[in-house]
């Protein structure tokens, strides 16, 4: 039997007195990332027992709005790429990419 390996990703969230995130730090030592600061994170996991997506969306109170818009755009583009890799559905991937372009245009991110 092959030896089982594991890898760990850790998140540390520093909260203010109202439990609003002030700092987000993450580590993935296998990837060479140790205690890196972030301003926002979106985490989704699939619960196959209940057939539903569970999520954690956090951002620090000092996350700039213009950066949040870029973060969402880049996340949507990455999700399109991941969808293609996972499903090989070129038609829907193209539709998703079209929406990403529309999203960027409406938020004037290409300027």
C-alpha atoms as a PDB file:
ATOM      1  CA  UNK A   1       0.000   0.000   0.000  1.00  0.00           C
ATOM      2  CA  UNK A   2       1.297   3.444  -0.917  1.00  0.00           C
ATOM      3  CA  UNK A   3       2.208   5.802   1.874  1.00  0.00           C
ATOM      4  CA  UNK A   4      -0.506   8.413   2.394  1.00  0.00           C
ATOM      5  CA  UNK A   5       0.665  11.997   2.210  1.00  0.00           C
ATOM      6  CA  UNK A   6      -1.060  15.164   3.266  1.00  0.00           C
ATOM      7  CA  UNK A   7      -0.617  18.862   2.798  1.00  0.00           C
ATOM      8  CA  UNK A   8      -1.949  21.677   4.925  1.00  0.00           C
ATOM      9  CA  UNK A   9      -3.202  25.143   4.093  1.00  0.00           C
ATOM     10  CA  UNK A  10      -3.835  27.409   7.055  1.00  0.00           C
ATOM     11  CA  UNK A  11      -5.756  30.651   7.386  1.00  0.00           C
ATOM     12  CA  UNK A  12      -5.389  33.139  10.237  1.00  0.00           C
ATOM     13  CA  UNK A  13      -7.971  35.893  10.551  1.00  0.00           C
ATOM     14  CA  UNK A  14      -7.423  38.751  12.982  1.00  0.00           C
ATOM     15  CA  UNK A  15     -10.732  40.331  14.032  1.00  0.00           C
ATOM     16  CA  UNK A  16     -11.565  43.682  15.571  1.00  0.00           C
ATOM     17  CA  UNK A  17     -13.847  44.076  18.598  1.00  0.00           C
ATOM     18  CA  UNK A  18     -16.910  43.725  16.320  1.00  0.00           C
ATOM     19  CA  UNK A  19     -15.524  40.515  14.751  1.00  0.00           C
ATOM     20  CA  UNK A  20     -14.793  42.285  11.446  1.00  0.00           C
ATOM     21  CA  UNK A  21     -11.624  40.997   9.742  1.00  0.00           C
ATOM     22  CA  UNK A  22      -8.681  43.358  10.130  1.00  0.00           C
ATOM     23  CA  UNK A  23      -6.003  41.019   8.776  1.00  0.00           C
ATOM     24  CA  UNK A  24      -5.970  37.826   6.722  1.00  0.00           C
ATOM     25  CA  UNK A  25      -2.871  35.672   6.611  1.00  0.00           C
ATOM     26  CA  UNK A  26      -2.374  32.315   4.953  1.00  0.00           C
ATOM     27  CA  UNK A  27       0.260  29.638   4.670  1.00  0.00           C
ATOM     28  CA  UNK A  28       0.772  26.725   2.288  1.00  0.00           C
ATOM     29  CA  UNK A  29       4.229  25.533   3.184  1.00  0.00           C
ATOM     30  CA  UNK A  30       4.341  22.923   0.393  1.00  0.00           C
ATOM     31  CA  UNK A  31       3.966  25.847  -2.020  1.00  0.00           C
ATOM     32  CA  UNK A  32       6.548  27.975  -0.237  1.00  0.00           C
ATOM     33  CA  UNK A  33       3.957  30.361   1.202  1.00  0.00           C
ATOM     34  CA  UNK A  34       4.373  31.204   4.874  1.00  0.00           C
ATOM     35  CA  UNK A  35       2.193  33.733   6.679  1.00  0.00           C
ATOM     36  CA  UNK A  36       1.423  35.819   3.585  1.00  0.00           C
ATOM     37  CA  UNK A  37      -0.981  38.714   4.007  1.00  0.00           C
ATOM     38  CA  UNK A  38      -4.125  38.976   1.896  1.00  0.00           C
ATOM     39  CA  UNK A  39      -6.935  41.515   1.774  1.00  0.00           C
ATOM     40  CA  UNK A  40      -9.716  39.157   0.643  1.00  0.00           C
ATOM     41  CA  UNK A  41     -10.507  35.478   0.173  1.00  0.00           C
ATOM     42  CA  UNK A  42     -13.243  33.354  -1.331  1.00  0.00           C
ATOM     43  CA  UNK A  43     -13.304  29.679  -0.353  1.00  0.00           C
ATOM     44  CA  UNK A  44     -15.787  27.143  -1.719  1.00  0.00           C
ATOM     45  CA  UNK A  45     -16.016  23.468  -0.842  1.00  0.00           C
ATOM     46  CA  UNK A  46     -18.366  20.826  -2.215  1.00  0.00           C
ATOM     47  CA  UNK A  47     -20.458  18.861   0.282  1.00  0.00           C
ATOM     48  CA  UNK A  48     -21.235  15.739  -1.760  1.00  0.00           C
ATOM     49  CA  UNK A  49     -23.470  14.283   0.936  1.00  0.00           C
ATOM     50  CA  UNK A  50     -25.869  17.236   0.779  1.00  0.00           C
ATOM     51  CA  UNK A  51     -25.070  18.118  -2.860  1.00  0.00           C
ATOM     52  CA  UNK A  52     -24.325  21.747  -2.072  1.00  0.00           C
ATOM     53  CA  UNK A  53     -21.548  24.269  -2.169  1.00  0.00           C
ATOM     54  CA  UNK A  54     -20.386  25.745   1.131  1.00  0.00           C
ATOM     55  CA  UNK A  55     -18.430  28.967   1.190  1.00  0.00           C
ATOM     56  CA  UNK A  56     -16.488  31.435   3.247  1.00  0.00           C
ATOM     57  CA  UNK A  57     -16.115  34.966   1.871  1.00  0.00           C
ATOM     58  CA  UNK A  58     -13.960  37.344   3.889  1.00  0.00           C
ATOM     59  CA  UNK A  59     -12.280  40.666   3.251  1.00  0.00           C
ATOM     60  CA  UNK A  60     -10.532  43.126   5.504  1.00  0.00           C
ATOM     61  CA  UNK A  61     -12.194  46.402   6.324  1.00  0.00           C
ATOM     62  CA  UNK A  62      -9.395  48.246   4.524  1.00  0.00           C
ATOM     63  CA  UNK A  63      -9.824  46.333   1.220  1.00  0.00           C
ATOM     64  CA  UNK A  64     -10.108  49.093  -1.409  1.00  0.00           C
ATOM     65  CA  UNK A  65     -13.271  48.987  -3.525  1.00  0.00           C
ATOM     66  CA  UNK A  66     -11.337  49.283  -6.794  1.00  0.00           C
ATOM     67  CA  UNK A  67      -9.185  46.293  -5.816  1.00  0.00           C
ATOM     68  CA  UNK A  68     -12.291  44.325  -4.817  1.00  0.00           C
ATOM     69  CA  UNK A  69     -13.703  44.809  -8.318  1.00  0.00           C
ATOM     70  CA  UNK A  70     -10.466  43.581  -9.899  1.00  0.00           C
ATOM     71  CA  UNK A  71     -10.371  40.656  -7.446  1.00  0.00           C
ATOM     72  CA  UNK A  72     -13.880  39.599  -8.461  1.00  0.00           C
ATOM     73  CA  UNK A  73     -13.065  39.917 -12.153  1.00  0.00           C
ATOM     74  CA  UNK A  74      -9.893  37.844 -11.836  1.00  0.00           C
ATOM     75  CA  UNK A  75     -11.785  35.252  -9.777  1.00  0.00           C
ATOM     76  CA  UNK A  76     -14.491  34.953 -12.450  1.00  0.00           C
ATOM     77  CA  UNK A  77     -11.841  34.506 -15.154  1.00  0.00           C
ATOM     78  CA  UNK A  78     -10.091  31.849 -13.049  1.00  0.00           C
ATOM     79  CA  UNK A  79     -13.408  30.057 -12.450  1.00  0.00           C
ATOM     80  CA  UNK A  80     -13.975  30.002 -16.215  1.00  0.00           C
ATOM     81  CA  UNK A  81     -10.560  28.401 -16.708  1.00  0.00           C
ATOM     82  CA  UNK A  82     -11.229  25.883 -13.941  1.00  0.00           C
ATOM     83  CA  UNK A  83     -14.648  25.063 -15.393  1.00  0.00           C
ATOM     84  CA  UNK A  84     -13.008  24.296 -18.739  1.00  0.00           C
ATOM     85  CA  UNK A  85     -10.340  22.133 -17.135  1.00  0.00           C
ATOM     86  CA  UNK A  86     -12.946  20.223 -15.093  1.00  0.00           C
ATOM     87  CA  UNK A  87     -15.626  19.756 -17.774  1.00  0.00           C
ATOM     88  CA  UNK A  88     -14.047  20.297 -21.218  1.00  0.00           C
ATOM     89  CA  UNK A  89     -17.249  22.249 -22.045  1.00  0.00           C
ATOM     90  CA  UNK A  90     -15.887  24.757 -24.560  1.00  0.00           C
ATOM     91  CA  UNK A  91     -19.254  26.335 -25.370  1.00  0.00           C
ATOM     92  CA  UNK A  92     -20.134  27.195 -21.766  1.00  0.00           C
ATOM     93  CA  UNK A  93     -16.569  28.291 -21.062  1.00  0.00           C
ATOM     94  CA  UNK A  94     -16.807  30.737 -23.972  1.00  0.00           C
ATOM     95  CA  UNK A  95     -20.099  32.040 -22.547  1.00  0.00           C
ATOM     96  CA  UNK A  96     -18.477  32.490 -19.151  1.00  0.00           C
ATOM     97  CA  UNK A  97     -15.520  34.333 -20.717  1.00  0.00           C
ATOM     98  CA  UNK A  98     -17.959  36.595 -22.591  1.00  0.00           C
ATOM     99  CA  UNK A  99     -19.562  37.467 -19.263  1.00  0.00           C
ATOM    100  CA  UNK A 100     -16.120  38.186 -17.773  1.00  0.00           C
ATOM    101  CA  UNK A 101     -15.460  40.627 -20.610  1.00  0.00           C
ATOM    102  CA  UNK A 102     -18.867  42.247 -20.077  1.00  0.00           C
ATOM    103  CA  UNK A 103     -18.193  42.470 -16.314  1.00  0.00           C
ATOM    104  CA  UNK A 104     -14.825  44.170 -16.907  1.00  0.00           C
ATOM    105  CA  UNK A 105     -16.331  46.553 -19.453  1.00  0.00           C
ATOM    106  CA  UNK A 106     -19.192  47.622 -17.144  1.00  0.00           C
ATOM    107  CA  UNK A 107     -16.761  48.173 -14.262  1.00  0.00           C
ATOM    108  CA  UNK A 108     -14.358  49.961 -16.630  1.00  0.00           C
ATOM    109  CA  UNK A 109     -11.541  47.620 -15.636  1.00  0.00           C
ATOM    110  CA  UNK A 110      -9.958  47.549 -19.103  1.00  0.00           C
ATOM    111  CA  UNK A 111      -9.300  51.278 -19.140  1.00  0.00           C
END
